Structure formats: structure tokens, C-alpha cells
Amino acid sequence: SAPKTLSGTSERQGVEATLTRLRHAPQVVF
């Protein structure tokens, strides 16, 4: 929600951490 954006340091780190977790999830290829 405003005024935050996904480009913020903590927000981006949280999103990328989730993406990393997904890449290591079972059966995920991409």
C-alpha cells in the first residue's frame, strides 16, 4: 500500500527472498 513501493530496500529483499524460496521448492523448474 502507498506510500510504500516494491522497489524499497526491505520490500525488494523480501520479494527476492520469496523468489529464492520458490526456486528451491519441490518440482519447480523455473
PDB file of all heavy atoms in Angstrom:
ATOM      1  N   SER A   1       0.838  -1.198   0.000  1.00  0.00           N
ATOM      2  CA  SER A   1       0.000   0.000   0.000  1.00  0.00           C
ATOM      3  C   SER A   1       0.874   1.249   0.000  1.00  0.00           C
ATOM      4  O   SER A   1       2.006   1.226   0.481  1.00  0.00           O
ATOM      5  CB  SER A   1      -0.916   0.008   1.230  1.00  0.00           C
ATOM      6  OG  SER A   1      -1.728  -1.148   1.257  1.00  0.00           O
ATOM      7  N   ALA A   2       0.318   2.329  -0.568  1.00  0.00           N
ATOM      8  CA  ALA A   2       1.038   3.611  -0.580  1.00  0.00           C
ATOM      9  C   ALA A   2       1.301   4.060   0.856  1.00  0.00           C
ATOM     10  O   ALA A   2       0.509   3.775   1.763  1.00  0.00           O
ATOM     11  CB  ALA A   2       0.214   4.653  -1.326  1.00  0.00           C
ATOM     12  N   PRO A   3       2.402   4.720   1.113  1.00  0.00           N
ATOM     13  CA  PRO A   3       3.385   5.231   0.144  1.00  0.00           C
ATOM     14  C   PRO A   3       4.513   4.244  -0.187  1.00  0.00           C
ATOM     15  O   PRO A   3       5.450   4.596  -0.879  1.00  0.00           O
ATOM     16  CB  PRO A   3       3.946   6.440   0.860  1.00  0.00           C
ATOM     17  CG  PRO A   3       3.905   6.050   2.306  1.00  0.00           C
ATOM     18  CD  PRO A   3       2.660   5.223   2.480  1.00  0.00           C
ATOM     19  N   LYS A   4       4.412   3.009   0.307  1.00  0.00           N
ATOM     20  CA  LYS A   4       5.457   2.033   0.039  1.00  0.00           C
ATOM     21  C   LYS A   4       5.436   1.605  -1.435  1.00  0.00           C
ATOM     22  O   LYS A   4       4.404   1.691  -2.116  1.00  0.00           O
ATOM     23  CB  LYS A   4       5.286   0.796   0.915  1.00  0.00           C
ATOM     24  CG  LYS A   4       5.516   1.001   2.398  1.00  0.00           C
ATOM     25  CD  LYS A   4       5.369  -0.307   3.137  1.00  0.00           C
ATOM     26  CE  LYS A   4       5.647  -0.152   4.630  1.00  0.00           C
ATOM     27  NZ  LYS A   4       5.517  -1.452   5.345  1.00  0.00           N
ATOM     28  N   THR A   5       6.576   1.119  -1.894  1.00  0.00           N
ATOM     29  CA  THR A   5       6.666   0.504  -3.217  1.00  0.00           C
ATOM     30  C   THR A   5       7.505  -0.756  -3.109  1.00  0.00           C
ATOM     31  O   THR A   5       8.255  -0.943  -2.131  1.00  0.00           O
ATOM     32  CB  THR A   5       7.311   1.447  -4.256  1.00  0.00           C
ATOM     33  OG1 THR A   5       8.702   1.629  -3.932  1.00  0.00           O
ATOM     34  CG2 THR A   5       6.601   2.790  -4.303  1.00  0.00           C
ATOM     35  N   LEU A   6       7.404  -1.608  -4.109  1.00  0.00           N
ATOM     36  CA  LEU A   6       8.169  -2.846  -4.108  1.00  0.00           C
ATOM     37  C   LEU A   6       9.632  -2.614  -4.454  1.00  0.00           C
ATOM     38  O   LEU A   6      10.438  -3.553  -4.428  1.00  0.00           O
ATOM     39  CB  LEU A   6       7.549  -3.837  -5.098  1.00  0.00           C
ATOM     40  CG  LEU A   6       6.151  -4.344  -4.713  1.00  0.00           C
ATOM     41  CD1 LEU A   6       5.559  -5.175  -5.845  1.00  0.00           C
ATOM     42  CD2 LEU A   6       6.195  -5.154  -3.429  1.00  0.00           C
ATOM     43  N   SER A   7       9.978  -1.374  -4.769  1.00  0.00           N
ATOM     44  CA  SER A   7      11.373  -1.040  -5.057  1.00  0.00           C
ATOM     45  C   SER A   7      12.130  -0.651  -3.800  1.00  0.00           C
ATOM     46  O   SER A   7      13.355  -0.463  -3.837  1.00  0.00           O
ATOM     47  CB  SER A   7      11.448   0.106  -6.081  1.00  0.00           C
ATOM     48  OG  SER A   7      10.859  -0.300  -7.303  1.00  0.00           O
ATOM     49  N   GLY A   8      11.412  -0.492  -2.692  1.00  0.00           N
ATOM     50  CA  GLY A   8      12.070  -0.181  -1.432  1.00  0.00           C
ATOM     51  C   GLY A   8      13.038  -1.282  -1.040  1.00  0.00           C
ATOM     52  O   GLY A   8      12.850  -2.457  -1.397  1.00  0.00           O
ATOM     53  N   THR A   9      14.067  -0.929  -0.301  1.00  0.00           N
ATOM     54  CA  THR A   9      15.121  -1.896   0.032  1.00  0.00           C
ATOM     55  C   THR A   9      14.582  -3.129   0.735  1.00  0.00           C
ATOM     56  O   THR A   9      14.813  -4.266   0.316  1.00  0.00           O
ATOM     57  CB  THR A   9      16.192  -1.238   0.911  1.00  0.00           C
ATOM     58  OG1 THR A   9      16.725  -0.100   0.230  1.00  0.00           O
ATOM     59  CG2 THR A   9      17.316  -2.224   1.213  1.00  0.00           C
ATOM     60  N   SER A  10      13.828  -2.928   1.815  1.00  0.00           N
ATOM     61  CA  SER A  10      13.327  -4.073   2.580  1.00  0.00           C
ATOM     62  C   SER A  10      12.274  -4.848   1.797  1.00  0.00           C
ATOM     63  O   SER A  10      12.250  -6.083   1.828  1.00  0.00           O
ATOM     64  CB  SER A  10      12.740  -3.596   3.913  1.00  0.00           C
ATOM     65  OG  SER A  10      11.662  -2.699   3.698  1.00  0.00           O
ATOM     66  N   GLU A  11      11.418  -4.120   1.066  1.00  0.00           N
ATOM     67  CA  GLU A  11      10.385  -4.786   0.281  1.00  0.00           C
ATOM     68  C   GLU A  11      10.997  -5.662  -0.815  1.00  0.00           C
ATOM     69  O   GLU A  11      10.581  -6.802  -1.024  1.00  0.00           O
ATOM     70  CB  GLU A  11       9.431  -3.761  -0.342  1.00  0.00           C
ATOM     71  CG  GLU A  11       8.491  -3.076   0.639  1.00  0.00           C
ATOM     72  CD  GLU A  11       9.184  -1.983   1.434  1.00  0.00           C
ATOM     73  OE1 GLU A  11      10.325  -1.605   1.063  1.00  0.00           O
ATOM     74  OE2 GLU A  11       8.600  -1.510   2.419  1.00  0.00           O
ATOM     75  N   ARG A  12      11.987  -5.116  -1.503  1.00  0.00           N
ATOM     76  CA  ARG A  12      12.622  -5.887  -2.577  1.00  0.00           C
ATOM     77  C   ARG A  12      13.349  -7.097  -2.013  1.00  0.00           C
ATOM     78  O   ARG A  12      13.315  -8.185  -2.598  1.00  0.00           O
ATOM     79  CB  ARG A  12      13.586  -5.006  -3.360  1.00  0.00           C
ATOM     80  CG  ARG A  12      14.280  -5.746  -4.503  1.00  0.00           C
ATOM     81  CD  ARG A  12      14.817  -4.820  -5.541  1.00  0.00           C
ATOM     82  NE  ARG A  12      15.404  -5.544  -6.669  1.00  0.00           N
ATOM     83  CZ  ARG A  12      15.666  -5.021  -7.855  1.00  0.00           C
ATOM     84  NH1 ARG A  12      15.398  -3.730  -8.072  1.00  0.00           N
ATOM     85  NH2 ARG A  12      16.184  -5.743  -8.823  1.00  0.00           N
ATOM     86  N   GLN A  13      14.001  -6.923  -0.883  1.00  0.00           N
ATOM     87  CA  GLN A  13      14.686  -8.052  -0.269  1.00  0.00           C
ATOM     88  C   GLN A  13      13.692  -9.154   0.115  1.00  0.00           C
ATOM     89  O   GLN A  13      13.965 -10.348  -0.048  1.00  0.00           O
ATOM     90  CB  GLN A  13      15.469  -7.591   0.954  1.00  0.00           C
ATOM     91  CG  GLN A  13      16.705  -6.760   0.625  1.00  0.00           C
ATOM     92  CD  GLN A  13      17.405  -6.253   1.871  1.00  0.00           C
ATOM     93  OE1 GLN A  13      16.863  -6.305   2.983  1.00  0.00           O
ATOM     94  NE2 GLN A  13      18.628  -5.747   1.705  1.00  0.00           N
ATOM     95  N   GLY A  14      12.531  -8.744   0.620  1.00  0.00           N
ATOM     96  CA  GLY A  14      11.509  -9.724   0.992  1.00  0.00           C
ATOM     97  C   GLY A  14      10.979 -10.474  -0.217  1.00  0.00           C
ATOM     98  O   GLY A  14      10.797 -11.696  -0.178  1.00  0.00           O
ATOM     99  N   VAL A  15      10.741  -9.745  -1.325  1.00  0.00           N
ATOM    100  CA  VAL A  15      10.253 -10.376  -2.546  1.00  0.00           C
ATOM    101  C   VAL A  15      11.296 -11.339  -3.095  1.00  0.00           C
ATOM    102  O   VAL A  15      10.993 -12.485  -3.465  1.00  0.00           O
ATOM    103  CB  VAL A  15       9.904  -9.313  -3.605  1.00  0.00           C
ATOM    104  CG1 VAL A  15       9.628  -9.968  -4.954  1.00  0.00           C
ATOM    105  CG2 VAL A  15       8.697  -8.496  -3.158  1.00  0.00           C
ATOM    106  N   GLU A  16      12.546 -10.898  -3.146  1.00  0.00           N
ATOM    107  CA  GLU A  16      13.603 -11.750  -3.697  1.00  0.00           C
ATOM    108  C   GLU A  16      13.847 -12.976  -2.823  1.00  0.00           C
ATOM    109  O   GLU A  16      14.176 -14.056  -3.325  1.00  0.00           O
ATOM    110  CB  GLU A  16      14.882 -10.930  -3.867  1.00  0.00           C
ATOM    111  CG  GLU A  16      14.775  -9.886  -4.988  1.00  0.00           C
ATOM    112  CD  GLU A  16      16.037  -9.070  -5.153  1.00  0.00           C
ATOM    113  OE1 GLU A  16      16.863  -9.064  -4.210  1.00  0.00           O
ATOM    114  OE2 GLU A  16      16.198  -8.431  -6.214  1.00  0.00           O
ATOM    115  N   ALA A  17      13.689 -12.821  -1.522  1.00  0.00           N
ATOM    116  CA  ALA A  17      13.830 -13.977  -0.628  1.00  0.00           C
ATOM    117  C   ALA A  17      12.729 -15.003  -0.888  1.00  0.00           C
ATOM    118  O   ALA A  17      12.969 -16.215  -0.862  1.00  0.00           O
ATOM    119  CB  ALA A  17      13.798 -13.521   0.830  1.00  0.00           C
ATOM    120  N   THR A  18      11.526 -14.498  -1.172  1.00  0.00           N
ATOM    121  CA  THR A  18      10.424 -15.396  -1.516  1.00  0.00           C
ATOM    122  C   THR A  18      10.692 -16.105  -2.839  1.00  0.00           C
ATOM    123  O   THR A  18      10.444 -17.310  -2.979  1.00  0.00           O
ATOM    124  CB  THR A  18       9.100 -14.619  -1.599  1.00  0.00           C
ATOM    125  OG1 THR A  18       8.741 -14.163  -0.288  1.00  0.00           O
ATOM    126  CG2 THR A  18       7.979 -15.490  -2.150  1.00  0.00           C
ATOM    127  N   LEU A  19      11.229 -15.370  -3.817  1.00  0.00           N
ATOM    128  CA  LEU A  19      11.558 -15.969  -5.104  1.00  0.00           C
ATOM    129  C   LEU A  19      12.632 -17.045  -4.955  1.00  0.00           C
ATOM    130  O   LEU A  19      12.564 -18.098  -5.596  1.00  0.00           O
ATOM    131  CB  LEU A  19      12.033 -14.891  -6.082  1.00  0.00           C
ATOM    132  CG  LEU A  19      11.005 -13.804  -6.446  1.00  0.00           C
ATOM    133  CD1 LEU A  19      11.640 -12.771  -7.371  1.00  0.00           C
ATOM    134  CD2 LEU A  19       9.774 -14.424  -7.097  1.00  0.00           C
ATOM    135  N   THR A  20      13.609 -16.782  -4.094  1.00  0.00           N
ATOM    136  CA  THR A  20      14.652 -17.778  -3.843  1.00  0.00           C
ATOM    137  C   THR A  20      14.069 -19.032  -3.217  1.00  0.00           C
ATOM    138  O   THR A  20      14.425 -20.162  -3.582  1.00  0.00           O
ATOM    139  CB  THR A  20      15.735 -17.193  -2.925  1.00  0.00           C
ATOM    140  OG1 THR A  20      16.324 -16.060  -3.559  1.00  0.00           O
ATOM    141  CG2 THR A  20      16.814 -18.223  -2.630  1.00  0.00           C
ATOM    142  N   ARG A  21      13.146 -18.833  -2.279  1.00  0.00           N
ATOM    143  CA  ARG A  21      12.495 -19.986  -1.651  1.00  0.00           C
ATOM    144  C   ARG A  21      11.712 -20.797  -2.685  1.00  0.00           C
ATOM    145  O   ARG A  21      11.715 -22.027  -2.652  1.00  0.00           O
ATOM    146  CB  ARG A  21      11.567 -19.496  -0.538  1.00  0.00           C
ATOM    147  CG  ARG A  21      10.762 -20.593   0.119  1.00  0.00           C
ATOM    148  CD  ARG A  21       9.902 -20.095   1.251  1.00  0.00           C
ATOM    149  NE  ARG A  21      10.682 -19.740   2.425  1.00  0.00           N
ATOM    150  CZ  ARG A  21      10.140 -19.526   3.628  1.00  0.00           C
ATOM    151  NH1 ARG A  21       8.832 -19.637   3.799  1.00  0.00           N
ATOM    152  NH2 ARG A  21      10.908 -19.209   4.647  1.00  0.00           N
ATOM    153  N   LEU A  22      11.065 -20.096  -3.605  1.00  0.00           N
ATOM    154  CA  LEU A  22      10.297 -20.784  -4.639  1.00  0.00           C
ATOM    155  C   LEU A  22      11.204 -21.588  -5.569  1.00  0.00           C
ATOM    156  O   LEU A  22      10.856 -22.688  -5.996  1.00  0.00           O
ATOM    157  CB  LEU A  22       9.487 -19.771  -5.453  1.00  0.00           C
ATOM    158  CG  LEU A  22       8.221 -19.228  -4.786  1.00  0.00           C
ATOM    159  CD1 LEU A  22       7.675 -18.025  -5.562  1.00  0.00           C
ATOM    160  CD2 LEU A  22       7.165 -20.319  -4.691  1.00  0.00           C
ATOM    161  N   ARG A  23      12.365 -21.027  -5.895  1.00  0.00           N
ATOM    162  CA  ARG A  23      13.280 -21.722  -6.808  1.00  0.00           C
ATOM    163  C   ARG A  23      13.798 -23.029  -6.208  1.00  0.00           C
ATOM    164  O   ARG A  23      14.193 -23.938  -6.935  1.00  0.00           O
ATOM    165  CB  ARG A  23      14.451 -20.797  -7.171  1.00  0.00           C
ATOM    166  CG  ARG A  23      14.028 -19.607  -8.032  1.00  0.00           C
ATOM    167  CD  ARG A  23      15.233 -18.812  -8.535  1.00  0.00           C
ATOM    168  NE  ARG A  23      14.818 -17.666  -9.320  1.00  0.00           N
ATOM    169  CZ  ARG A  23      14.716 -16.424  -8.845  1.00  0.00           C
ATOM    170  NH1 ARG A  23      15.044 -16.180  -7.584  1.00  0.00           N
ATOM    171  NH2 ARG A  23      14.312 -15.447  -9.625  1.00  0.00           N
ATOM    172  N   HIS A  24      13.814 -23.095  -4.895  1.00  0.00           N
ATOM    173  CA  HIS A  24      14.283 -24.303  -4.217  1.00  0.00           C
ATOM    174  C   HIS A  24      13.122 -25.205  -3.778  1.00  0.00           C
ATOM    175  O   HIS A  24      13.340 -26.208  -3.107  1.00  0.00           O
ATOM    176  CB  HIS A  24      15.130 -23.937  -2.994  1.00  0.00           C
ATOM    177  CG  HIS A  24      16.451 -23.300  -3.349  1.00  0.00           C
ATOM    178  ND1 HIS A  24      16.597 -21.941  -3.526  1.00  0.00           N
ATOM    179  CD2 HIS A  24      17.672 -23.836  -3.577  1.00  0.00           C
ATOM    180  CE1 HIS A  24      17.857 -21.662  -3.833  1.00  0.00           C
ATOM    181  NE2 HIS A  24      18.529 -22.797  -3.873  1.00  0.00           N
ATOM    182  N   ALA A  25      11.903 -24.838  -4.162  1.00  0.00           N
ATOM    183  CA  ALA A  25      10.736 -25.636  -3.781  1.00  0.00           C
ATOM    184  C   ALA A  25      10.673 -26.910  -4.630  1.00  0.00           C
ATOM    185  O   ALA A  25      11.192 -26.954  -5.747  1.00  0.00           O
ATOM    186  CB  ALA A  25       9.462 -24.812  -3.956  1.00  0.00           C
ATOM    187  N   PRO A  26      10.042 -27.957  -4.123  1.00  0.00           N
ATOM    188  CA  PRO A  26       9.955 -29.228  -4.862  1.00  0.00           C
ATOM    189  C   PRO A  26       9.279 -29.073  -6.217  1.00  0.00           C
ATOM    190  O   PRO A  26       8.283 -28.364  -6.339  1.00  0.00           O
ATOM    191  CB  PRO A  26       9.121 -30.117  -3.923  1.00  0.00           C
ATOM    192  CG  PRO A  26       9.301 -29.522  -2.575  1.00  0.00           C
ATOM    193  CD  PRO A  26       9.425 -28.044  -2.793  1.00  0.00           C
ATOM    194  N   GLN A  27       9.849 -29.711  -7.229  1.00  0.00           N
ATOM    195  CA  GLN A  27       9.307 -29.829  -8.579  1.00  0.00           C
ATOM    196  C   GLN A  27       9.305 -28.522  -9.383  1.00  0.00           C
ATOM    197  O   GLN A  27       8.868 -28.519 -10.533  1.00  0.00           O
ATOM    198  CB  GLN A  27       7.880 -30.410  -8.547  1.00  0.00           C
ATOM    199  CG  GLN A  27       7.815 -31.848  -8.040  1.00  0.00           C
ATOM    200  CD  GLN A  27       6.423 -32.414  -8.089  1.00  0.00           C
ATOM    201  OE1 GLN A  27       5.695 -32.353  -7.107  1.00  0.00           O
ATOM    202  NE2 GLN A  27       6.036 -32.980  -9.218  1.00  0.00           N
ATOM    203  N   VAL A  28       9.779 -27.441  -8.832  1.00  0.00           N
ATOM    204  CA  VAL A  28       9.815 -26.172  -9.565  1.00  0.00           C
ATOM    205  C   VAL A  28      10.986 -26.183 -10.546  1.00  0.00           C
ATOM    206  O   VAL A  28      12.110 -26.528 -10.179  1.00  0.00           O
ATOM    207  CB  VAL A  28       9.944 -24.980  -8.601  1.00  0.00           C
ATOM    208  CG1 VAL A  28      10.183 -23.684  -9.376  1.00  0.00           C
ATOM    209  CG2 VAL A  28       8.697 -24.858  -7.740  1.00  0.00           C
ATOM    210  N   VAL A  29      10.725 -25.799 -11.801  1.00  0.00           N
ATOM    211  CA  VAL A  29      11.796 -25.765 -12.802  1.00  0.00           C
ATOM    212  C   VAL A  29      12.155 -24.332 -13.206  1.00  0.00           C
ATOM    213  O   VAL A  29      13.234 -24.104 -13.770  1.00  0.00           O
ATOM    214  CB  VAL A  29      11.406 -26.562 -14.064  1.00  0.00           C
ATOM    215  CG1 VAL A  29      11.284 -28.034 -13.748  1.00  0.00           C
ATOM    216  CG2 VAL A  29      10.115 -26.028 -14.676  1.00  0.00           C
ATOM    217  N   PHE A  30      11.270 -23.384 -12.910  1.00  0.00           N
ATOM    218  CA  PHE A  30      11.565 -22.008 -13.310  1.00  0.00           C
ATOM    219  C   PHE A  30      10.711 -21.035 -12.505  1.00  0.00           C
ATOM    220  O   PHE A  30       9.528 -21.290 -12.254  1.00  0.00           O
ATOM    221  CB  PHE A  30      11.287 -21.811 -14.801  1.00  0.00           C
ATOM    222  CG  PHE A  30      11.434 -20.383 -15.264  1.00  0.00           C
ATOM    223  CD1 PHE A  30      12.693 -19.824 -15.447  1.00  0.00           C
ATOM    224  CD2 PHE A  30      10.311 -19.598 -15.499  1.00  0.00           C
ATOM    225  CE1 PHE A  30      12.830 -18.504 -15.857  1.00  0.00           C
ATOM    226  CE2 PHE A  30      10.435 -18.289 -15.913  1.00  0.00           C
ATOM    227  CZ  PHE A  30      11.699 -17.729 -16.090  1.00  0.00           C
TER     228      PHE A  30
END
